[in-house]
């Protein structure tokens, strides 16, 4: 599962996923095919890993996959049944904030039909609506 090796601060405030569409990570860089988010949402490291496994299993380890997002932000939770007060809970999971237009995964080395189906399966594992994107040839 993806998580940072070390962080500057152990706990981070919740915040919101601000703004309109993504201004960075919004173009295909490495591969020919991409999975692009259509909504703003928090995506956990477990969801990213589940999507990666679904794609890898479908293409049977052919081709190459790039994960373009990384879960840097820790999310804390208080234990079940804990009373109010007594501080903030311990970090439980890591998330990444995704905006509309963010490229989540890229793929190359497989046919377009195979890539489209693999990306569709991966999209079902994520909490955001996604679309399939193909790089334009210059």
N, C-alpha and C. Protein backbone atom coordinates (compact mmCIF):
# COMPACT_ATOMS: atom_id res chain seq x y z
N UNK A 1 0.84 -1.17 0.00
CA UNK A 1 0.00 0.00 0.00
C UNK A 1 0.89 1.24 0.00
N UNK A 2 0.45 2.27 -0.69
CA UNK A 2 1.23 3.50 -0.79
C UNK A 2 1.10 4.33 0.49
N UNK A 3 2.22 4.83 0.98
CA UNK A 3 2.22 5.78 2.08
C UNK A 3 3.59 6.46 2.09
N UNK A 4 3.64 7.70 2.58
CA UNK A 4 4.92 8.39 2.60
C UNK A 4 5.88 7.74 3.59
N UNK A 5 7.17 7.74 3.28
CA UNK A 5 8.16 7.14 4.18
C UNK A 5 8.28 7.95 5.45
N UNK A 6 8.16 9.27 5.36
CA UNK A 6 8.13 10.12 6.54
C UNK A 6 7.36 11.39 6.20
N UNK A 7 6.78 12.01 7.21
CA UNK A 7 6.04 13.25 7.00
C UNK A 7 6.57 14.31 7.95
N UNK A 8 6.43 15.56 7.58
CA UNK A 8 6.89 16.65 8.43
C UNK A 8 6.01 16.77 9.66
N UNK A 9 4.70 16.63 9.48
CA UNK A 9 3.76 16.70 10.59
C UNK A 9 2.94 15.42 10.63
N UNK A 10 2.70 14.93 11.84
CA UNK A 10 2.00 13.66 12.00
C UNK A 10 0.53 13.77 11.67
N UNK A 11 -0.12 14.87 12.06
CA UNK A 11 -1.55 15.04 11.85
C UNK A 11 -1.81 16.29 11.03
N UNK A 12 -2.81 16.21 10.16
CA UNK A 12 -3.15 17.31 9.26
C UNK A 12 -4.64 17.59 9.41
N UNK A 13 -5.03 18.84 9.30
CA UNK A 13 -6.45 19.17 9.34
C UNK A 13 -7.15 18.68 8.10
N UNK A 14 -8.46 18.49 8.24
CA UNK A 14 -9.24 17.84 7.17
C UNK A 14 -9.24 18.62 5.87
N UNK A 15 -9.60 19.91 5.91
CA UNK A 15 -9.62 20.71 4.70
C UNK A 15 -10.72 20.27 3.75
N UNK A 16 -10.74 20.88 2.59
CA UNK A 16 -11.71 20.52 1.55
C UNK A 16 -10.95 20.37 0.23
N UNK A 17 -11.60 19.75 -0.74
CA UNK A 17 -11.02 19.67 -2.08
C UNK A 17 -11.50 20.91 -2.82
N UNK A 18 -10.67 21.96 -2.82
CA UNK A 18 -11.05 23.26 -3.34
C UNK A 18 -10.90 23.35 -4.85
N UNK A 19 -11.51 24.38 -5.43
CA UNK A 19 -11.20 24.80 -6.79
C UNK A 19 -11.92 24.02 -7.86
N UNK A 20 -11.71 24.45 -9.08
CA UNK A 20 -12.33 23.83 -10.25
C UNK A 20 -11.52 22.64 -10.71
N UNK A 21 -11.20 22.66 -11.98
CA UNK A 21 -10.49 21.52 -12.56
C UNK A 21 -9.00 21.58 -12.23
N UNK A 22 -8.34 20.44 -12.38
CA UNK A 22 -6.93 20.32 -12.04
C UNK A 22 -6.06 21.14 -12.98
N UNK A 23 -5.04 21.78 -12.42
CA UNK A 23 -4.09 22.54 -13.24
C UNK A 23 -2.78 21.80 -13.38
N UNK A 24 -2.52 20.84 -12.49
CA UNK A 24 -1.35 19.98 -12.64
C UNK A 24 -1.85 18.54 -12.71
N UNK A 25 -1.03 17.65 -13.20
CA UNK A 25 -1.39 16.24 -13.40
C UNK A 25 -2.61 16.09 -14.30
N UNK A 26 -2.78 17.01 -15.25
CA UNK A 26 -3.98 16.97 -16.08
C UNK A 26 -3.69 16.59 -17.53
N UNK A 27 -2.46 16.16 -17.83
CA UNK A 27 -2.11 15.71 -19.19
C UNK A 27 -1.41 14.37 -19.12
N UNK A 28 -1.59 13.57 -20.16
CA UNK A 28 -0.90 12.29 -20.24
C UNK A 28 0.57 12.55 -20.52
N UNK A 29 1.45 12.02 -19.69
CA UNK A 29 2.88 12.27 -19.81
C UNK A 29 3.65 11.03 -20.23
N UNK A 30 3.35 9.90 -19.60
CA UNK A 30 4.16 8.69 -19.79
C UNK A 30 3.56 7.72 -20.80
N UNK A 31 2.27 7.41 -20.67
CA UNK A 31 1.66 6.39 -21.50
C UNK A 31 0.72 6.97 -22.55
N UNK A 32 0.14 6.07 -23.37
CA UNK A 32 -0.80 6.49 -24.42
C UNK A 32 -2.22 6.61 -23.90
N UNK A 33 -2.56 5.81 -22.88
CA UNK A 33 -3.93 5.77 -22.37
C UNK A 33 -3.94 6.22 -20.91
N UNK A 34 -5.02 6.87 -20.51
CA UNK A 34 -5.10 7.36 -19.14
C UNK A 34 -6.49 7.24 -18.56
N UNK A 35 -6.55 7.23 -17.24
CA UNK A 35 -7.80 7.25 -16.49
C UNK A 35 -7.89 8.60 -15.80
N UNK A 36 -8.90 9.39 -16.18
CA UNK A 36 -9.02 10.78 -15.73
C UNK A 36 -10.24 10.91 -14.83
N UNK A 37 -10.08 11.59 -13.70
CA UNK A 37 -11.19 11.78 -12.77
C UNK A 37 -12.14 12.85 -13.31
N UNK A 38 -13.42 12.70 -13.00
CA UNK A 38 -14.44 13.66 -13.41
C UNK A 38 -15.02 14.41 -12.21
N UNK A 39 -14.62 14.05 -10.99
CA UNK A 39 -15.17 14.66 -9.78
C UNK A 39 -14.04 15.01 -8.83
N UNK A 40 -14.35 15.82 -7.84
CA UNK A 40 -13.43 16.13 -6.76
C UNK A 40 -13.76 15.21 -5.59
N UNK A 41 -12.74 14.54 -5.05
CA UNK A 41 -12.98 13.57 -3.98
C UNK A 41 -11.65 13.21 -3.33
N UNK A 42 -11.73 12.61 -2.14
CA UNK A 42 -10.54 12.07 -1.48
C UNK A 42 -10.40 10.60 -1.86
N UNK A 43 -9.23 10.20 -2.34
CA UNK A 43 -8.98 8.82 -2.75
C UNK A 43 -7.93 8.24 -1.81
N UNK A 44 -8.25 7.11 -1.19
CA UNK A 44 -7.34 6.51 -0.21
C UNK A 44 -6.30 5.62 -0.88
N UNK A 45 -5.27 5.30 -0.13
CA UNK A 45 -4.20 4.46 -0.66
C UNK A 45 -4.72 3.05 -0.97
N UNK A 46 -5.69 2.58 -0.19
CA UNK A 46 -6.27 1.25 -0.45
C UNK A 46 -7.04 1.22 -1.77
N UNK A 47 -7.74 2.31 -2.07
CA UNK A 47 -8.49 2.38 -3.32
C UNK A 47 -7.55 2.44 -4.52
N UNK A 48 -6.45 3.18 -4.39
CA UNK A 48 -5.45 3.26 -5.47
C UNK A 48 -4.86 1.88 -5.71
N UNK A 49 -4.53 1.17 -4.64
CA UNK A 49 -3.94 -0.16 -4.77
C UNK A 49 -4.92 -1.15 -5.37
N UNK A 50 -6.19 -1.08 -4.99
CA UNK A 50 -7.21 -1.99 -5.55
C UNK A 50 -7.37 -1.74 -7.05
N UNK A 51 -7.36 -0.47 -7.46
CA UNK A 51 -7.48 -0.14 -8.89
C UNK A 51 -6.25 -0.64 -9.65
N UNK A 52 -5.08 -0.47 -9.06
CA UNK A 52 -3.84 -0.93 -9.71
C UNK A 52 -3.86 -2.44 -9.90
N UNK A 53 -4.29 -3.17 -8.87
CA UNK A 53 -4.36 -4.63 -8.96
C UNK A 53 -5.35 -5.07 -10.03
N UNK A 54 -6.50 -4.40 -10.11
CA UNK A 54 -7.51 -4.76 -11.11
C UNK A 54 -6.95 -4.60 -12.52
N UNK A 55 -6.24 -3.48 -12.77
CA UNK A 55 -5.65 -3.25 -14.10
C UNK A 55 -4.57 -4.27 -14.40
N UNK A 56 -3.67 -4.50 -13.45
CA UNK A 56 -2.55 -5.42 -13.66
C UNK A 56 -3.04 -6.83 -13.94
N UNK A 57 -4.07 -7.27 -13.22
CA UNK A 57 -4.59 -8.62 -13.43
C UNK A 57 -5.26 -8.74 -14.80
N UNK A 58 -5.95 -7.68 -15.23
CA UNK A 58 -6.64 -7.77 -16.51
C UNK A 58 -5.66 -7.81 -17.68
N UNK A 59 -4.59 -7.02 -17.62
CA UNK A 59 -3.63 -7.01 -18.74
C UNK A 59 -2.60 -8.13 -18.60
N UNK A 60 -2.75 -8.95 -17.55
CA UNK A 60 -1.89 -10.12 -17.31
C UNK A 60 -0.41 -9.74 -17.35
N UNK A 61 -0.07 -8.68 -16.64
CA UNK A 61 1.29 -8.17 -16.50
C UNK A 61 1.94 -7.80 -17.83
N UNK A 62 1.13 -7.58 -18.87
CA UNK A 62 1.66 -7.06 -20.13
C UNK A 62 1.60 -5.55 -20.09
N UNK A 63 2.40 -4.88 -20.87
CA UNK A 63 2.36 -3.42 -20.89
C UNK A 63 2.96 -2.83 -19.63
N UNK A 64 2.71 -1.54 -19.43
CA UNK A 64 3.25 -0.84 -18.28
C UNK A 64 2.20 0.12 -17.73
N UNK A 65 2.18 0.26 -16.39
CA UNK A 65 1.21 1.12 -15.72
C UNK A 65 1.96 2.14 -14.88
N UNK A 66 1.52 3.38 -14.95
CA UNK A 66 2.06 4.46 -14.11
C UNK A 66 0.96 4.96 -13.20
N UNK A 67 1.26 5.09 -11.90
CA UNK A 67 0.32 5.68 -10.94
C UNK A 67 0.73 7.14 -10.80
N UNK A 68 -0.17 8.06 -11.16
CA UNK A 68 0.17 9.48 -11.20
C UNK A 68 -0.15 10.22 -9.91
N UNK A 69 -0.91 9.63 -9.01
CA UNK A 69 -1.27 10.29 -7.76
C UNK A 69 -0.62 9.54 -6.60
N UNK A 70 -0.32 10.26 -5.53
CA UNK A 70 0.30 9.63 -4.35
C UNK A 70 -0.41 10.13 -3.09
N UNK A 71 -0.77 9.23 -2.17
CA UNK A 71 -1.47 9.64 -0.96
C UNK A 71 -0.52 10.20 0.10
N UNK A 72 -0.37 11.53 0.14
CA UNK A 72 0.51 12.18 1.10
C UNK A 72 -0.20 12.56 2.39
N UNK A 73 -1.51 12.76 2.35
CA UNK A 73 -2.23 13.37 3.46
C UNK A 73 -2.71 12.33 4.47
N UNK A 74 -2.28 12.42 5.74
CA UNK A 74 -2.78 11.48 6.74
C UNK A 74 -4.18 11.86 7.20
N UNK A 75 -5.00 10.85 7.48
CA UNK A 75 -6.35 11.06 8.02
C UNK A 75 -6.39 10.36 9.36
N UNK A 76 -6.81 11.09 10.40
CA UNK A 76 -6.85 10.52 11.73
C UNK A 76 -8.28 10.10 12.07
N UNK A 77 -8.38 9.11 12.97
CA UNK A 77 -9.68 8.63 13.43
C UNK A 77 -9.58 8.34 14.91
N UNK A 78 -10.65 8.67 15.63
CA UNK A 78 -10.69 8.31 17.05
C UNK A 78 -11.21 6.88 17.17
N UNK A 79 -10.82 6.17 18.21
CA UNK A 79 -11.30 4.79 18.36
C UNK A 79 -12.82 4.74 18.51
N UNK A 80 -13.40 3.63 18.12
CA UNK A 80 -14.84 3.45 18.21
C UNK A 80 -15.25 3.45 19.68
N UNK A 81 -16.26 4.22 19.98
CA UNK A 81 -16.75 4.28 21.35
C UNK A 81 -16.04 5.28 22.23
N UNK A 82 -15.10 6.05 21.67
CA UNK A 82 -14.38 7.06 22.46
C UNK A 82 -15.29 8.25 22.70
N UNK A 83 -15.21 8.83 23.88
CA UNK A 83 -16.04 9.99 24.20
C UNK A 83 -15.46 11.24 23.57
N UNK A 84 -16.28 12.29 23.50
CA UNK A 84 -15.85 13.55 22.92
C UNK A 84 -14.72 14.15 23.76
N UNK A 85 -13.89 14.93 23.10
CA UNK A 85 -12.79 15.56 23.81
C UNK A 85 -11.55 14.69 23.77
N UNK A 86 -10.62 14.95 24.64
CA UNK A 86 -9.35 14.20 24.77
C UNK A 86 -8.56 14.16 23.47
N UNK A 87 -8.62 15.25 22.69
CA UNK A 87 -7.70 15.42 21.56
C UNK A 87 -8.11 14.73 20.27
N UNK A 88 -7.23 14.88 19.32
CA UNK A 88 -7.44 14.35 17.96
C UNK A 88 -6.97 12.91 17.93
N UNK A 89 -7.61 12.10 17.09
CA UNK A 89 -7.26 10.68 17.00
C UNK A 89 -5.92 10.45 16.32
N UNK A 90 -5.51 9.20 16.27
CA UNK A 90 -4.24 8.82 15.64
C UNK A 90 -4.40 8.67 14.13
N UNK A 91 -3.34 8.90 13.36
CA UNK A 91 -3.43 8.70 11.89
C UNK A 91 -3.74 7.25 11.56
N UNK A 92 -4.75 7.04 10.72
CA UNK A 92 -5.19 5.70 10.36
C UNK A 92 -4.91 5.35 8.91
N UNK A 93 -5.05 6.31 8.01
CA UNK A 93 -4.87 6.03 6.58
C UNK A 93 -4.32 7.27 5.89
N UNK A 94 -3.91 7.10 4.65
CA UNK A 94 -3.40 8.21 3.86
C UNK A 94 -4.27 8.39 2.62
N UNK A 95 -4.51 9.65 2.27
CA UNK A 95 -5.37 9.95 1.12
C UNK A 95 -4.68 10.94 0.21
N UNK A 96 -5.23 11.07 -1.01
CA UNK A 96 -4.84 12.14 -1.91
C UNK A 96 -6.11 12.86 -2.33
N UNK A 97 -6.03 14.17 -2.45
CA UNK A 97 -7.18 14.95 -2.88
C UNK A 97 -7.13 15.06 -4.40
N UNK A 98 -8.21 14.63 -5.05
CA UNK A 98 -8.26 14.57 -6.52
C UNK A 98 -9.28 15.57 -7.02
N UNK A 99 -8.90 16.37 -8.02
CA UNK A 99 -9.81 17.33 -8.64
C UNK A 99 -10.28 16.79 -9.98
N UNK A 100 -11.34 17.37 -10.56
CA UNK A 100 -11.76 16.95 -11.90
C UNK A 100 -10.65 17.22 -12.91
N UNK A 101 -10.39 16.25 -13.77
CA UNK A 101 -9.36 16.40 -14.80
C UNK A 101 -8.01 15.84 -14.40
N UNK A 102 -7.87 15.34 -13.18
CA UNK A 102 -6.61 14.76 -12.74
C UNK A 102 -6.41 13.39 -13.37
N UNK A 103 -5.23 13.15 -13.95
CA UNK A 103 -4.89 11.84 -14.49
C UNK A 103 -4.47 10.96 -13.33
N UNK A 104 -5.20 9.87 -13.11
CA UNK A 104 -4.92 8.98 -11.99
C UNK A 104 -3.94 7.88 -12.37
N UNK A 105 -4.15 7.26 -13.53
CA UNK A 105 -3.29 6.18 -14.01
C UNK A 105 -2.99 6.39 -15.48
N UNK A 106 -1.84 5.89 -15.91
CA UNK A 106 -1.50 5.86 -17.34
C UNK A 106 -1.06 4.45 -17.69
N UNK A 107 -1.24 4.10 -18.96
CA UNK A 107 -0.92 2.75 -19.42
C UNK A 107 -0.37 2.80 -20.83
N UNK A 108 0.54 1.89 -21.14
CA UNK A 108 1.09 1.78 -22.49
C UNK A 108 1.52 0.34 -22.72
N UNK A 109 1.70 -0.03 -23.98
CA UNK A 109 2.18 -1.36 -24.32
C UNK A 109 1.08 -2.38 -24.51
N UNK A 110 -0.19 -1.95 -24.52
CA UNK A 110 -1.32 -2.86 -24.77
C UNK A 110 -2.23 -2.22 -25.81
N UNK A 111 -3.16 -3.00 -26.35
CA UNK A 111 -4.09 -2.47 -27.34
C UNK A 111 -5.09 -1.52 -26.66
N UNK A 112 -5.75 -0.69 -27.47
CA UNK A 112 -6.68 0.29 -26.92
C UNK A 112 -7.87 -0.38 -26.24
N UNK A 113 -8.38 -1.48 -26.84
CA UNK A 113 -9.53 -2.18 -26.25
C UNK A 113 -9.16 -2.76 -24.88
N UNK A 114 -7.96 -3.36 -24.80
CA UNK A 114 -7.51 -3.93 -23.53
C UNK A 114 -7.34 -2.83 -22.48
N UNK A 115 -6.73 -1.72 -22.87
CA UNK A 115 -6.51 -0.61 -21.95
C UNK A 115 -7.85 -0.04 -21.47
N UNK A 116 -8.80 0.09 -22.39
CA UNK A 116 -10.11 0.66 -22.04
C UNK A 116 -10.83 -0.21 -21.02
N UNK A 117 -10.80 -1.52 -21.22
CA UNK A 117 -11.46 -2.45 -20.29
C UNK A 117 -10.75 -2.46 -18.94
N UNK A 118 -9.41 -2.45 -18.96
CA UNK A 118 -8.65 -2.43 -17.70
C UNK A 118 -8.93 -1.16 -16.91
N UNK A 119 -9.00 -0.02 -17.61
CA UNK A 119 -9.28 1.25 -16.94
C UNK A 119 -10.72 1.28 -16.41
N UNK A 120 -11.64 0.65 -17.13
CA UNK A 120 -13.03 0.58 -16.67
C UNK A 120 -13.12 -0.20 -15.36
N UNK A 121 -12.40 -1.34 -15.31
CA UNK A 121 -12.38 -2.14 -14.08
C UNK A 121 -11.76 -1.36 -12.93
N UNK A 122 -10.71 -0.61 -13.21
CA UNK A 122 -10.05 0.20 -12.18
C UNK A 122 -10.96 1.31 -11.70
N UNK A 123 -11.72 1.91 -12.61
CA UNK A 123 -12.62 3.00 -12.25
C UNK A 123 -13.69 2.58 -11.26
N UNK A 124 -14.09 1.29 -11.31
CA UNK A 124 -15.09 0.79 -10.37
C UNK A 124 -14.56 0.72 -8.94
N UNK A 125 -13.25 0.68 -8.78
CA UNK A 125 -12.64 0.60 -7.45
C UNK A 125 -12.47 1.98 -6.81
N UNK A 126 -12.69 3.04 -7.58
CA UNK A 126 -12.42 4.39 -7.10
C UNK A 126 -13.71 5.12 -6.74
N UNK A 127 -13.65 6.09 -5.79
CA UNK A 127 -14.85 6.81 -5.37
C UNK A 127 -15.23 7.96 -6.30
N UNK A 128 -14.51 8.15 -7.40
CA UNK A 128 -14.80 9.25 -8.33
C UNK A 128 -15.28 8.68 -9.65
N UNK A 129 -16.09 9.45 -10.38
CA UNK A 129 -16.42 9.08 -11.75
C UNK A 129 -15.18 9.32 -12.59
N UNK A 130 -14.92 8.40 -13.52
CA UNK A 130 -13.71 8.50 -14.33
C UNK A 130 -14.04 8.40 -15.80
N UNK A 131 -13.08 8.83 -16.63
CA UNK A 131 -13.21 8.68 -18.07
C UNK A 131 -11.90 8.18 -18.64
N UNK A 132 -11.99 7.53 -19.79
CA UNK A 132 -10.83 6.99 -20.49
C UNK A 132 -10.30 8.05 -21.44
N UNK A 133 -8.98 8.21 -21.47
CA UNK A 133 -8.38 9.25 -22.31
C UNK A 133 -7.26 8.63 -23.16
N UNK A 134 -7.15 9.11 -24.40
CA UNK A 134 -6.08 8.65 -25.30
C UNK A 134 -5.25 9.85 -25.70
N UNK A 135 -3.92 9.65 -25.71
CA UNK A 135 -3.01 10.74 -26.06
C UNK A 135 -3.07 11.01 -27.55
N UNK A 136 -3.12 12.30 -27.92
CA UNK A 136 -3.14 12.66 -29.35
C UNK A 136 -1.72 12.56 -29.90
N UNK A 137 -1.60 12.04 -31.12
CA UNK A 137 -0.28 11.92 -31.75
C UNK A 137 0.06 13.23 -32.45
N UNK A 138 1.31 13.71 -32.28
CA UNK A 138 1.74 14.93 -32.94
C UNK A 138 2.25 14.63 -34.33
